[in-house]
PDB file of N, CA and C in Angstrom:
ATOM      1  N   MET A   1     -15.224  -4.542  15.115  1.00  0.00           N
ATOM      2  CA  MET A   1     -14.383  -4.410  13.953  1.00  0.00           C
ATOM      3  C   MET A   1     -13.369  -3.286  14.202  1.00  0.00           C
ATOM      4  N   PRO A   2     -12.069  -3.600  14.079  1.00  0.00           N
ATOM      5  CA  PRO A   2     -11.061  -2.568  14.335  1.00  0.00           C
ATOM      6  C   PRO A   2     -11.096  -1.467  13.284  1.00  0.00           C
ATOM      7  N   ASP A   3     -10.883  -0.268  13.723  1.00  0.00           N
ATOM      8  CA  ASP A   3     -10.758   0.852  12.798  1.00  0.00           C
ATOM      9  C   ASP A   3      -9.418   0.749  12.099  1.00  0.00           C
ATOM     10  N   LEU A   4      -9.275   1.475  11.016  1.00  0.00           N
ATOM     11  CA  LEU A   4      -8.015   1.523  10.304  1.00  0.00           C
ATOM     12  C   LEU A   4      -7.218   2.724  10.787  1.00  0.00           C
ATOM     13  N   ALA A   5      -5.981   2.480  11.172  1.00  0.00           N
ATOM     14  CA  ALA A   5      -5.059   3.562  11.518  1.00  0.00           C
ATOM     15  C   ALA A   5      -4.097   3.727  10.350  1.00  0.00           C
ATOM     16  N   VAL A   6      -3.879   4.978   9.945  1.00  0.00           N
ATOM     17  CA  VAL A   6      -2.993   5.301   8.827  1.00  0.00           C
ATOM     18  C   VAL A   6      -1.936   6.268   9.342  1.00  0.00           C
ATOM     19  N   VAL A   7      -0.663   5.875   9.204  1.00  0.00           N
ATOM     20  CA  VAL A   7       0.447   6.709   9.657  1.00  0.00           C
ATOM     21  C   VAL A   7       1.384   6.929   8.476  1.00  0.00           C
ATOM     22  N   GLU A   8       1.728   8.192   8.224  1.00  0.00           N
ATOM     23  CA  GLU A   8       2.625   8.517   7.114  1.00  0.00           C
ATOM     24  C   GLU A   8       4.023   8.830   7.622  1.00  0.00           C
ATOM     25  N   GLU A   9       5.014   8.419   6.822  1.00  0.00           N
ATOM     26  CA  GLU A   9       6.410   8.723   7.125  1.00  0.00           C
ATOM     27  C   GLU A   9       7.136   8.982   5.807  1.00  0.00           C
ATOM     28  N   ASN A  10       8.122   9.851   5.841  1.00  0.00           N
ATOM     29  CA  ASN A  10       9.033   9.995   4.719  1.00  0.00           C
ATOM     30  C   ASN A  10      10.367   9.448   5.180  1.00  0.00           C
ATOM     31  N   VAL A  11      10.968   8.599   4.356  1.00  0.00           N
ATOM     32  CA  VAL A  11      12.237   7.991   4.722  1.00  0.00           C
ATOM     33  C   VAL A  11      13.318   8.440   3.751  1.00  0.00           C
ATOM     34  N   ASP A  12      14.552   8.156   4.114  1.00  0.00           N
ATOM     35  CA  ASP A  12      15.663   8.507   3.239  1.00  0.00           C
ATOM     36  C   ASP A  12      15.430   7.942   1.847  1.00  0.00           C
ATOM     37  N   GLY A  13      15.848   8.685   0.873  1.00  0.00           N
ATOM     38  CA  GLY A  13      15.670   8.261  -0.504  1.00  0.00           C
ATOM     39  C   GLY A  13      14.363   8.722  -1.105  1.00  0.00           C
ATOM     40  N   GLY A  14      13.617   9.542  -0.364  1.00  0.00           N
ATOM     41  CA  GLY A  14      12.392  10.117  -0.911  1.00  0.00           C
ATOM     42  C   GLY A  14      11.220   9.162  -1.011  1.00  0.00           C
ATOM     43  N   VAL A  15      11.219   8.096  -0.244  1.00  0.00           N
ATOM     44  CA  VAL A  15      10.104   7.157  -0.277  1.00  0.00           C
ATOM     45  C   VAL A  15       9.067   7.567   0.765  1.00  0.00           C
ATOM     46  N   HIS A  16       7.835   7.618   0.346  1.00  0.00           N
ATOM     47  CA  HIS A  16       6.711   7.943   1.226  1.00  0.00           C
ATOM     48  C   HIS A  16       6.149   6.619   1.744  1.00  0.00           C
ATOM     49  N   VAL A  17       6.239   6.393   3.040  1.00  0.00           N
ATOM     50  CA  VAL A  17       5.736   5.161   3.644  1.00  0.00           C
ATOM     51  C   VAL A  17       4.383   5.445   4.279  1.00  0.00           C
ATOM     52  N   ILE A  18       3.418   4.594   3.967  1.00  0.00           N
ATOM     53  CA  ILE A  18       2.095   4.667   4.580  1.00  0.00           C
ATOM     54  C   ILE A  18       1.892   3.354   5.332  1.00  0.00           C
ATOM     55  N   ARG A  19       1.840   3.464   6.650  1.00  0.00           N
ATOM     56  CA  ARG A  19       1.691   2.287   7.503  1.00  0.00           C
ATOM     57  C   ARG A  19       0.218   2.118   7.841  1.00  0.00           C
ATOM     58  N   LEU A  20      -0.284   0.896   7.667  1.00  0.00           N
ATOM     59  CA  LEU A  20      -1.691   0.597   7.909  1.00  0.00           C
ATOM     60  C   LEU A  20      -1.819  -0.387   9.058  1.00  0.00           C
ATOM     61  N   ARG A  21      -2.773  -0.112   9.954  1.00  0.00           N
ATOM     62  CA  ARG A  21      -3.031  -1.014  11.078  1.00  0.00           C
ATOM     63  C   ARG A  21      -4.541  -1.188  11.217  1.00  0.00           C
ATOM     64  N   GLY A  22      -4.985  -2.443  11.193  1.00  0.00           N
ATOM     65  CA  GLY A  22      -6.405  -2.725  11.338  1.00  0.00           C
ATOM     66  C   GLY A  22      -6.978  -3.311  10.068  1.00  0.00           C
ATOM     67  N   GLU A  23      -8.204  -2.941   9.740  1.00  0.00           N
ATOM     68  CA  GLU A  23      -8.912  -3.489   8.591  1.00  0.00           C
ATOM     69  C   GLU A  23      -9.137  -2.423   7.536  1.00  0.00           C
ATOM     70  N   LEU A  24      -8.750  -2.759   6.315  1.00  0.00           N
ATOM     71  CA  LEU A  24      -8.976  -1.858   5.186  1.00  0.00           C
ATOM     72  C   LEU A  24     -10.208  -2.348   4.435  1.00  0.00           C
ATOM     73  N   ASP A  25     -11.346  -1.831   4.847  1.00  0.00           N
ATOM     74  CA  ASP A  25     -12.625  -2.146   4.231  1.00  0.00           C
ATOM     75  C   ASP A  25     -13.267  -0.831   3.799  1.00  0.00           C
ATOM     76  N   LEU A  26     -14.547  -0.844   3.515  1.00  0.00           N
ATOM     77  CA  LEU A  26     -15.222   0.373   3.049  1.00  0.00           C
ATOM     78  C   LEU A  26     -15.053   1.524   4.038  1.00  0.00           C
ATOM     79  N   ALA A  27     -15.208   1.259   5.321  1.00  0.00           N
ATOM     80  CA  ALA A  27     -15.054   2.320   6.327  1.00  0.00           C
ATOM     81  C   ALA A  27     -13.610   2.806   6.384  1.00  0.00           C
ATOM     82  N   GLY A  28     -12.655   1.891   6.380  1.00  0.00           N
ATOM     83  CA  GLY A  28     -11.244   2.271   6.406  1.00  0.00           C
ATOM     84  C   GLY A  28     -10.809   3.009   5.163  1.00  0.00           C
ATOM     85  N   ALA A  29     -11.438   2.688   4.048  1.00  0.00           N
ATOM     86  CA  ALA A  29     -11.090   3.341   2.783  1.00  0.00           C
ATOM     87  C   ALA A  29     -11.337   4.846   2.846  1.00  0.00           C
ATOM     88  N   ARG A  30     -12.299   5.264   3.626  1.00  0.00           N
ATOM     89  CA  ARG A  30     -12.587   6.700   3.750  1.00  0.00           C
ATOM     90  C   ARG A  30     -11.419   7.456   4.385  1.00  0.00           C
ATOM     91  N   VAL A  31     -10.679   6.778   5.245  1.00  0.00           N
ATOM     92  CA  VAL A  31      -9.501   7.371   5.878  1.00  0.00           C
ATOM     93  C   VAL A  31      -8.282   7.233   4.963  1.00  0.00           C
ATOM     94  N   PHE A  32      -8.166   6.081   4.326  1.00  0.00           N
ATOM     95  CA  PHE A  32      -6.994   5.741   3.535  1.00  0.00           C
ATOM     96  C   PHE A  32      -6.938   6.465   2.184  1.00  0.00           C
ATOM     97  N   GLU A  33      -8.075   6.594   1.516  1.00  0.00           N
ATOM     98  CA  GLU A  33      -8.092   7.139   0.156  1.00  0.00           C
ATOM     99  C   GLU A  33      -7.452   8.520   0.024  1.00  0.00           C
ATOM    100  N   PRO A  34      -7.816   9.509   0.834  1.00  0.00           N
ATOM    101  CA  PRO A  34      -7.208  10.821   0.633  1.00  0.00           C
ATOM    102  C   PRO A  34      -5.691  10.817   0.873  1.00  0.00           C
ATOM    103  N   VAL A  35      -5.231  10.025   1.829  1.00  0.00           N
ATOM    104  CA  VAL A  35      -3.799   9.940   2.115  1.00  0.00           C
ATOM    105  C   VAL A  35      -3.070   9.289   0.944  1.00  0.00           C
ATOM    106  N   LEU A  36      -3.589   8.159   0.474  1.00  0.00           N
ATOM    107  CA  LEU A  36      -2.943   7.428  -0.611  1.00  0.00           C
ATOM    108  C   LEU A  36      -2.949   8.224  -1.906  1.00  0.00           C
ATOM    109  N   MET A  37      -4.067   8.819  -2.251  1.00  0.00           N
ATOM    110  CA  MET A  37      -4.149   9.521  -3.533  1.00  0.00           C
ATOM    111  C   MET A  37      -3.313  10.797  -3.530  1.00  0.00           C
ATOM    112  N   ALA A  38      -3.227  11.498  -2.397  1.00  0.00           N
ATOM    113  CA  ALA A  38      -2.348  12.672  -2.315  1.00  0.00           C
ATOM    114  C   ALA A  38      -0.896  12.248  -2.513  1.00  0.00           C
ATOM    115  N   ALA A  39      -0.514  11.138  -1.887  1.00  0.00           N
ATOM    116  CA  ALA A  39       0.853  10.644  -2.048  1.00  0.00           C
ATOM    117  C   ALA A  39       1.107  10.235  -3.499  1.00  0.00           C
ATOM    118  N   ALA A  40       0.144   9.573  -4.122  1.00  0.00           N
ATOM    119  CA  ALA A  40       0.304   9.126  -5.508  1.00  0.00           C
ATOM    120  C   ALA A  40       0.460  10.308  -6.461  1.00  0.00           C
ATOM    121  N   GLU A  41      -0.226  11.394  -6.173  1.00  0.00           N
ATOM    122  CA  GLU A  41      -0.135  12.583  -7.037  1.00  0.00           C
ATOM    123  C   GLU A  41       1.189  13.315  -6.878  1.00  0.00           C
ATOM    124  N   HIS A  42       1.779  13.275  -5.678  1.00  0.00           N
ATOM    125  CA  HIS A  42       2.932  14.133  -5.397  1.00  0.00           C
ATOM    126  C   HIS A  42       4.259  13.413  -5.196  1.00  0.00           C
ATOM    127  N   ASP A  43       4.235  12.113  -4.941  1.00  0.00           N
ATOM    128  CA  ASP A  43       5.465  11.381  -4.665  1.00  0.00           C
ATOM    129  C   ASP A  43       5.799  10.449  -5.821  1.00  0.00           C
ATOM    130  N   THR A  44       7.045  10.030  -5.872  1.00  0.00           N
ATOM    131  CA  THR A  44       7.443   9.100  -6.930  1.00  0.00           C
ATOM    132  C   THR A  44       7.611   7.675  -6.431  1.00  0.00           C
ATOM    133  N   ALA A  45       7.714   7.479  -5.123  1.00  0.00           N
ATOM    134  CA  ALA A  45       7.856   6.130  -4.571  1.00  0.00           C
ATOM    135  C   ALA A  45       7.057   6.024  -3.279  1.00  0.00           C
ATOM    136  N   ILE A  46       6.208   5.009  -3.229  1.00  0.00           N
ATOM    137  CA  ILE A  46       5.362   4.778  -2.057  1.00  0.00           C
ATOM    138  C   ILE A  46       5.533   3.336  -1.600  1.00  0.00           C
ATOM    139  N   VAL A  47       5.625   3.157  -0.303  1.00  0.00           N
ATOM    140  CA  VAL A  47       5.584   1.822   0.300  1.00  0.00           C
ATOM    141  C   VAL A  47       4.371   1.771   1.211  1.00  0.00           C
ATOM    142  N   LEU A  48       3.550   0.749   1.011  1.00  0.00           N
ATOM    143  CA  LEU A  48       2.462   0.471   1.941  1.00  0.00           C
ATOM    144  C   LEU A  48       2.968  -0.574   2.913  1.00  0.00           C
ATOM    145  N   ASP A  49       3.133  -0.178   4.152  1.00  0.00           N
ATOM    146  CA  ASP A  49       3.593  -1.086   5.190  1.00  0.00           C
ATOM    147  C   ASP A  49       2.354  -1.736   5.798  1.00  0.00           C
ATOM    148  N   CYS A  50       2.105  -2.968   5.412  1.00  0.00           N
ATOM    149  CA  CYS A  50       0.902  -3.686   5.832  1.00  0.00           C
ATOM    150  C   CYS A  50       1.184  -4.727   6.908  1.00  0.00           C
ATOM    151  N   ALA A  51       2.270  -4.551   7.640  1.00  0.00           N
ATOM    152  CA  ALA A  51       2.646  -5.512   8.672  1.00  0.00           C
ATOM    153  C   ALA A  51       1.544  -5.673   9.716  1.00  0.00           C
ATOM    154  N   GLU A  52       0.788  -4.613   9.968  1.00  0.00           N
ATOM    155  CA  GLU A  52      -0.266  -4.672  10.980  1.00  0.00           C
ATOM    156  C   GLU A  52      -1.667  -4.626  10.372  1.00  0.00           C
ATOM    157  N   LEU A  53      -1.743  -4.839   9.061  1.00  0.00           N
ATOM    158  CA  LEU A  53      -3.044  -4.898   8.396  1.00  0.00           C
ATOM    159  C   LEU A  53      -3.610  -6.294   8.597  1.00  0.00           C
ATOM    160  N   THR A  54      -4.833  -6.388   9.105  1.00  0.00           N
ATOM    161  CA  THR A  54      -5.425  -7.691   9.396  1.00  0.00           C
ATOM    162  C   THR A  54      -6.420  -8.145   8.339  1.00  0.00           C
ATOM    163  N   PHE A  55      -6.903  -7.216   7.514  1.00  0.00           N
ATOM    164  CA  PHE A  55      -7.909  -7.562   6.507  1.00  0.00           C
ATOM    165  C   PHE A  55      -7.919  -6.490   5.434  1.00  0.00           C
ATOM    166  N   ILE A  56      -8.175  -6.905   4.203  1.00  0.00           N
ATOM    167  CA  ILE A  56      -8.383  -5.961   3.109  1.00  0.00           C
ATOM    168  C   ILE A  56      -9.491  -6.510   2.229  1.00  0.00           C
ATOM    169  N   ASP A  57     -10.388  -5.643   1.787  1.00  0.00           N
ATOM    170  CA  ASP A  57     -11.451  -6.081   0.887  1.00  0.00           C
ATOM    171  C   ASP A  57     -11.250  -5.455  -0.490  1.00  0.00           C
ATOM    172  N   SER A  58     -12.214  -5.654  -1.374  1.00  0.00           N
ATOM    173  CA  SER A  58     -12.082  -5.175  -2.754  1.00  0.00           C
ATOM    174  C   SER A  58     -11.989  -3.651  -2.828  1.00  0.00           C
ATOM    175  N   THR A  59     -12.585  -2.954  -1.882  1.00  0.00           N
ATOM    176  CA  THR A  59     -12.489  -1.493  -1.865  1.00  0.00           C
ATOM    177  C   THR A  59     -11.036  -1.065  -1.679  1.00  0.00           C
ATOM    178  N   GLY A  60     -10.369  -1.652  -0.707  1.00  0.00           N
ATOM    179  CA  GLY A  60      -8.971  -1.343  -0.448  1.00  0.00           C
ATOM    180  C   GLY A  60      -8.080  -1.713  -1.620  1.00  0.00           C
ATOM    181  N   MET A  61      -8.321  -2.871  -2.210  1.00  0.00           N
ATOM    182  CA  MET A  61      -7.514  -3.287  -3.354  1.00  0.00           C
ATOM    183  C   MET A  61      -7.716  -2.353  -4.542  1.00  0.00           C
ATOM    184  N   GLY A  62      -8.942  -1.916  -4.733  1.00  0.00           N
ATOM    185  CA  GLY A  62      -9.215  -0.971  -5.814  1.00  0.00           C
ATOM    186  C   GLY A  62      -8.483   0.344  -5.622  1.00  0.00           C
ATOM    187  N   LEU A  63      -8.424   0.817  -4.382  1.00  0.00           N
ATOM    188  CA  LEU A  63      -7.685   2.052  -4.102  1.00  0.00           C
ATOM    189  C   LEU A  63      -6.199   1.893  -4.410  1.00  0.00           C
ATOM    190  N   ILE A  64      -5.638   0.754  -4.037  1.00  0.00           N
ATOM    191  CA  ILE A  64      -4.221   0.515  -4.302  1.00  0.00           C
ATOM    192  C   ILE A  64      -3.958   0.499  -5.804  1.00  0.00           C
ATOM    193  N   LEU A  65      -4.815  -0.172  -6.562  1.00  0.00           N
ATOM    194  CA  LEU A  65      -4.634  -0.211  -8.013  1.00  0.00           C
ATOM    195  C   LEU A  65      -4.819   1.175  -8.640  1.00  0.00           C
ATOM    196  N   SER A  66      -5.736   1.970  -8.119  1.00  0.00           N
ATOM    197  CA  SER A  66      -5.900   3.346  -8.608  1.00  0.00           C
ATOM    198  C   SER A  66      -4.633   4.157  -8.369  1.00  0.00           C
ATOM    199  N   ALA A  67      -4.031   3.989  -7.206  1.00  0.00           N
ATOM    200  CA  ALA A  67      -2.791   4.710  -6.900  1.00  0.00           C
ATOM    201  C   ALA A  67      -1.670   4.283  -7.839  1.00  0.00           C
ATOM    202  N   VAL A  68      -1.602   2.997  -8.161  1.00  0.00           N
ATOM    203  CA  VAL A  68      -0.576   2.517  -9.093  1.00  0.00           C
ATOM    204  C   VAL A  68      -0.757   3.175 -10.458  1.00  0.00           C
ATOM    205  N   ARG A  69      -1.990   3.312 -10.913  1.00  0.00           N
ATOM    206  CA  ARG A  69      -2.247   3.984 -12.203  1.00  0.00           C
ATOM    207  C   ARG A  69      -1.805   5.447 -12.159  1.00  0.00           C
ATOM    208  N   VAL A  70      -2.137   6.145 -11.079  1.00  0.00           N
ATOM    209  CA  VAL A  70      -1.742   7.552 -10.946  1.00  0.00           C
ATOM    210  C   VAL A  70      -0.218   7.665 -10.920  1.00  0.00           C
ATOM    211  N   LEU A  71       0.428   6.819 -10.144  1.00  0.00           N
ATOM    212  CA  LEU A  71       1.892   6.833 -10.073  1.00  0.00           C
ATOM    213  C   LEU A  71       2.515   6.537 -11.428  1.00  0.00           C
ATOM    214  N   GLY A  72       1.924   5.624 -12.153  1.00  0.00           N
ATOM    215  CA  GLY A  72       2.448   5.257 -13.462  1.00  0.00           C
ATOM    216  C   GLY A  72       2.459   6.410 -14.448  1.00  0.00           C
ATOM    217  N   ARG A  73       1.551   7.348 -14.291  1.00  0.00           N
ATOM    218  CA  ARG A  73       1.504   8.512 -15.196  1.00  0.00           C
ATOM    219  C   ARG A  73       2.736   9.385 -15.094  1.00  0.00           C
ATOM    220  N   HIS A  74       3.400   9.373 -13.936  1.00  0.00           N
ATOM    221  CA  HIS A  74       4.594  10.197 -13.792  1.00  0.00           C
ATOM    222  C   HIS A  74       5.819   9.366 -13.393  1.00  0.00           C
ATOM    223  N   GLY A  75       5.805   8.083 -13.768  1.00  0.00           N
ATOM    224  CA  GLY A  75       6.969   7.235 -13.563  1.00  0.00           C
ATOM    225  C   GLY A  75       7.210   6.811 -12.131  1.00  0.00           C
ATOM    226  N   GLY A  76       6.198   6.888 -11.297  1.00  0.00           N
ATOM    227  CA  GLY A  76       6.351   6.503  -9.897  1.00  0.00           C
ATOM    228  C   GLY A  76       6.143   5.026  -9.675  1.00  0.00           C
ATOM    229  N   SER A  77       6.396   4.584  -8.453  1.00  0.00           N
ATOM    230  CA  SER A  77       6.256   3.169  -8.134  1.00  0.00           C
ATOM    231  C   SER A  77       5.663   2.984  -6.739  1.00  0.00           C
ATOM    232  N   LEU A  78       5.067   1.828  -6.554  1.00  0.00           N
ATOM    233  CA  LEU A  78       4.485   1.461  -5.275  1.00  0.00           C
ATOM    234  C   LEU A  78       4.892   0.031  -4.963  1.00  0.00           C
ATOM    235  N   ALA A  79       5.244  -0.222  -3.723  1.00  0.00           N
ATOM    236  CA  ALA A  79       5.551  -1.567  -3.250  1.00  0.00           C
ATOM    237  C   ALA A  79       4.850  -1.783  -1.918  1.00  0.00           C
ATOM    238  N   ILE A  80       4.647  -3.046  -1.587  1.00  0.00           N
ATOM    239  CA  ILE A  80       3.927  -3.407  -0.362  1.00  0.00           C
ATOM    240  C   ILE A  80       4.816  -4.288   0.506  1.00  0.00           C
ATOM    241  N   ALA A  81       4.804  -4.001   1.805  1.00  0.00           N
ATOM    242  CA  ALA A  81       5.443  -4.876   2.793  1.00  0.00           C
ATOM    243  C   ALA A  81       4.334  -5.610   3.533  1.00  0.00           C
ATOM    244  N   CYS A  82       4.356  -6.946   3.466  1.00  0.00           N
ATOM    245  CA  CYS A  82       3.281  -7.718   4.105  1.00  0.00           C
ATOM    246  C   CYS A  82       3.748  -9.144   4.386  1.00  0.00           C
ATOM    247  N   ARG A  83       3.409  -9.623   5.592  1.00  0.00           N
ATOM    248  CA  ARG A  83       3.683 -11.012   5.965  1.00  0.00           C
ATOM    249  C   ARG A  83       2.409 -11.747   6.385  1.00  0.00           C
ATOM    250  N   ASN A  84       1.300 -11.048   6.529  1.00  0.00           N
ATOM    251  CA  ASN A  84       0.064 -11.663   7.002  1.00  0.00           C
ATOM    252  C   ASN A  84      -0.465 -12.634   5.936  1.00  0.00           C
ATOM    253  N   PRO A  85      -0.561 -13.928   6.265  1.00  0.00           N
ATOM    254  CA  PRO A  85      -0.997 -14.910   5.267  1.00  0.00           C
ATOM    255  C   PRO A  85      -2.396 -14.647   4.709  1.00  0.00           C
ATOM    256  N   THR A  86      -3.288 -14.124   5.533  1.00  0.00           N
ATOM    257  CA  THR A  86      -4.650 -13.837   5.065  1.00  0.00           C
ATOM    258  C   THR A  86      -4.635 -12.741   4.012  1.00  0.00           C
ATOM    259  N   VAL A  87      -3.914 -11.673   4.279  1.00  0.00           N
ATOM    260  CA  VAL A  87      -3.827 -10.556   3.334  1.00  0.00           C
ATOM    261  C   VAL A  87      -3.059 -10.992   2.087  1.00  0.00           C
ATOM    262  N   LEU A  88      -1.973 -11.730   2.266  1.00  0.00           N
ATOM    263  CA  LEU A  88      -1.198 -12.209   1.118  1.00  0.00           C
ATOM    264  C   LEU A  88      -2.036 -13.116   0.218  1.00  0.00           C
ATOM    265  N   ARG A  89      -2.877 -13.937   0.814  1.00  0.00           N
ATOM    266  CA  ARG A  89      -3.736 -14.812   0.015  1.00  0.00           C
ATOM    267  C   ARG A  89      -4.691 -13.985  -0.848  1.00  0.00           C
ATOM    268  N   LEU A  90      -5.238 -12.911  -0.282  1.00  0.00           N
ATOM    269  CA  LEU A  90      -6.126 -12.051  -1.074  1.00  0.00           C
ATOM    270  C   LEU A  90      -5.373 -11.359  -2.208  1.00  0.00           C
ATOM    271  N   PHE A  91      -4.137 -10.939  -1.935  1.00  0.00           N
ATOM    272  CA  PHE A  91      -3.325 -10.345  -3.005  1.00  0.00           C
ATOM    273  C   PHE A  91      -3.067 -11.367  -4.107  1.00  0.00           C
ATOM    274  N   ALA A  92      -2.845 -12.628  -3.747  1.00  0.00           N
ATOM    275  CA  ALA A  92      -2.578 -13.675  -4.737  1.00  0.00           C
ATOM    276  C   ALA A  92      -3.833 -14.014  -5.540  1.00  0.00           C
ATOM    277  N   VAL A  93      -4.965 -14.179  -4.856  1.00  0.00           N
ATOM    278  CA  VAL A  93      -6.218 -14.532  -5.532  1.00  0.00           C
ATOM    279  C   VAL A  93      -6.618 -13.455  -6.536  1.00  0.00           C
ATOM    280  N   THR A  94      -6.397 -12.211  -6.190  1.00  0.00           N
ATOM    281  CA  THR A  94      -6.764 -11.109  -7.082  1.00  0.00           C
ATOM    282  C   THR A  94      -5.646 -10.749  -8.060  1.00  0.00           C
ATOM    283  N   ARG A  95      -4.506 -11.429  -7.935  1.00  0.00           N
ATOM    284  CA  ARG A  95      -3.335 -11.238  -8.796  1.00  0.00           C
ATOM    285  C   ARG A  95      -2.682  -9.872  -8.659  1.00  0.00           C
ATOM    286  N   ILE A  96      -2.969  -9.199  -7.578  1.00  0.00           N
ATOM    287  CA  ILE A  96      -2.278  -7.934  -7.309  1.00  0.00           C
ATOM    288  C   ILE A  96      -0.789  -8.192  -7.146  1.00  0.00           C
ATOM    289  N   ASP A  97      -0.451  -9.371  -6.635  1.00  0.00           N
ATOM    290  CA  ASP A  97       0.963  -9.706  -6.444  1.00  0.00           C
ATOM    291  C   ASP A  97       1.722  -9.847  -7.762  1.00  0.00           C
ATOM    292  N   GLU A  98       1.002  -9.911  -8.885  1.00  0.00           N
ATOM    293  CA  GLU A  98       1.637  -9.955 -10.205  1.00  0.00           C
ATOM    294  C   GLU A  98       1.864  -8.551 -10.760  1.00  0.00           C
ATOM    295  N   THR A  99       1.218  -7.565 -10.167  1.00  0.00           N
ATOM    296  CA  THR A  99       1.291  -6.180 -10.635  1.00  0.00           C
ATOM    297  C   THR A  99       2.170  -5.313  -9.743  1.00  0.00           C
ATOM    298  N   ILE A 100       2.128  -5.587  -8.446  1.00  0.00           N
ATOM    299  CA  ILE A 100       2.809  -4.760  -7.454  1.00  0.00           C
ATOM    300  C   ILE A 100       3.828  -5.615  -6.711  1.00  0.00           C
ATOM    301  N   PRO A 101       5.067  -5.125  -6.561  1.00  0.00           N
ATOM    302  CA  PRO A 101       6.033  -5.884  -5.761  1.00  0.00           C
ATOM    303  C   PRO A 101       5.577  -5.977  -4.303  1.00  0.00           C
ATOM    304  N   ILE A 102       5.608  -7.201  -3.769  1.00  0.00           N
ATOM    305  CA  ILE A 102       5.251  -7.435  -2.373  1.00  0.00           C
ATOM    306  C   ILE A 102       6.431  -8.135  -1.712  1.00  0.00           C
ATOM    307  N   ALA A 103       6.925  -7.534  -0.645  1.00  0.00           N
ATOM    308  CA  ALA A 103       8.066  -8.081   0.089  1.00  0.00           C
ATOM    309  C   ALA A 103       7.628  -8.421   1.510  1.00  0.00           C
ATOM    310  N   PRO A 104       8.277  -9.402   2.132  1.00  0.00           N
ATOM    311  CA  PRO A 104       7.905  -9.761   3.500  1.00  0.00           C
ATOM    312  C   PRO A 104       8.374  -8.753   4.549  1.00  0.00           C
ATOM    313  N   THR A 105       9.302  -7.866   4.161  1.00  0.00           N
ATOM    314  CA  THR A 105       9.819  -6.885   5.107  1.00  0.00           C
ATOM    315  C   THR A 105       9.681  -5.474   4.541  1.00  0.00           C
ATOM    316  N   ARG A 106       9.673  -4.532   5.446  1.00  0.00           N
ATOM    317  CA  ARG A 106       9.628  -3.128   5.043  1.00  0.00           C
ATOM    318  C   ARG A 106      10.867  -2.762   4.232  1.00  0.00           C
ATOM    319  N   GLU A 107      12.027  -3.264   4.644  1.00  0.00           N
ATOM    320  CA  GLU A 107      13.275  -2.968   3.936  1.00  0.00           C
ATOM    321  C   GLU A 107      13.218  -3.480   2.497  1.00  0.00           C
ATOM    322  N   GLY A 108      12.675  -4.677   2.314  1.00  0.00           N
ATOM    323  CA  GLY A 108      12.531  -5.230   0.967  1.00  0.00           C
ATOM    324  C   GLY A 108      11.593  -4.396   0.106  1.00  0.00           C
ATOM    325  N   ALA A 109      10.511  -3.930   0.696  1.00  0.00           N
ATOM    326  CA  ALA A 109       9.566  -3.087  -0.040  1.00  0.00           C
ATOM    327  C   ALA A 109      10.188  -1.738  -0.372  1.00  0.00           C
ATOM    328  N   LEU A 110      10.976  -1.181   0.556  1.00  0.00           N
ATOM    329  CA  LEU A 110      11.665   0.086   0.281  1.00  0.00           C
ATOM    330  C   LEU A 110      12.607  -0.063  -0.908  1.00  0.00           C
ATOM    331  N   GLU A 111      13.335  -1.149  -0.938  1.00  0.00           N
ATOM    332  CA  GLU A 111      14.249  -1.391  -2.057  1.00  0.00           C
ATOM    333  C   GLU A 111      13.480  -1.521  -3.377  1.00  0.00           C
ATOM    334  N   ALA A 112      12.384  -2.251  -3.356  1.00  0.00           N
ATOM    335  CA  ALA A 112      11.574  -2.425  -4.560  1.00  0.00           C
ATOM    336  C   ALA A 112      10.985  -1.107  -5.041  1.00  0.00           C
ATOM    337  N   ALA A 113      10.554  -0.261  -4.125  1.00  0.00           N
ATOM    338  CA  ALA A 113       9.945   1.024  -4.489  1.00  0.00           C
ATOM    339  C   ALA A 113      10.962   1.984  -5.097  1.00  0.00           C
ATOM    340  N   ARG A 114      12.205   1.845  -4.720  1.00  0.00           N
ATOM    341  CA  ARG A 114      13.237   2.748  -5.234  1.00  0.00           C
ATOM    342  C   ARG A 114      13.688   2.384  -6.645  1.00  0.00           C
ATOM    343  N   HIS A 115      13.307   1.221  -7.129  1.00  0.00           N
ATOM    344  CA  HIS A 115      13.747   0.791  -8.466  1.00  0.00           C
ATOM    345  C   HIS A 115      12.692   0.962  -9.503  1.00  0.00           C
TER     346      HIS A 115
END
């Protein structure tokens, strides 16, 4: 089972990008949670770049929804960049795609996060 790699970047326009590679499951959540929640507390726009994410379970989805709630308290936003059909199907089944903007490209997610 691949480990989860988490890489942070700040891009023009004040968007905090968190790039994920591997599987976001219970083990990966231990790495992802502190990074995501710190960003949610301090930033106003976050993009999760999931281009290299191969799997996400309910733990990972719960963390994303928690971050959206934290961001919402101070008018922040979160968007996701994802093209993986397996991950997109899970977002659709759980209706996360109705709550969070999901774009097929990083550029599309950056634009969504800035609005």
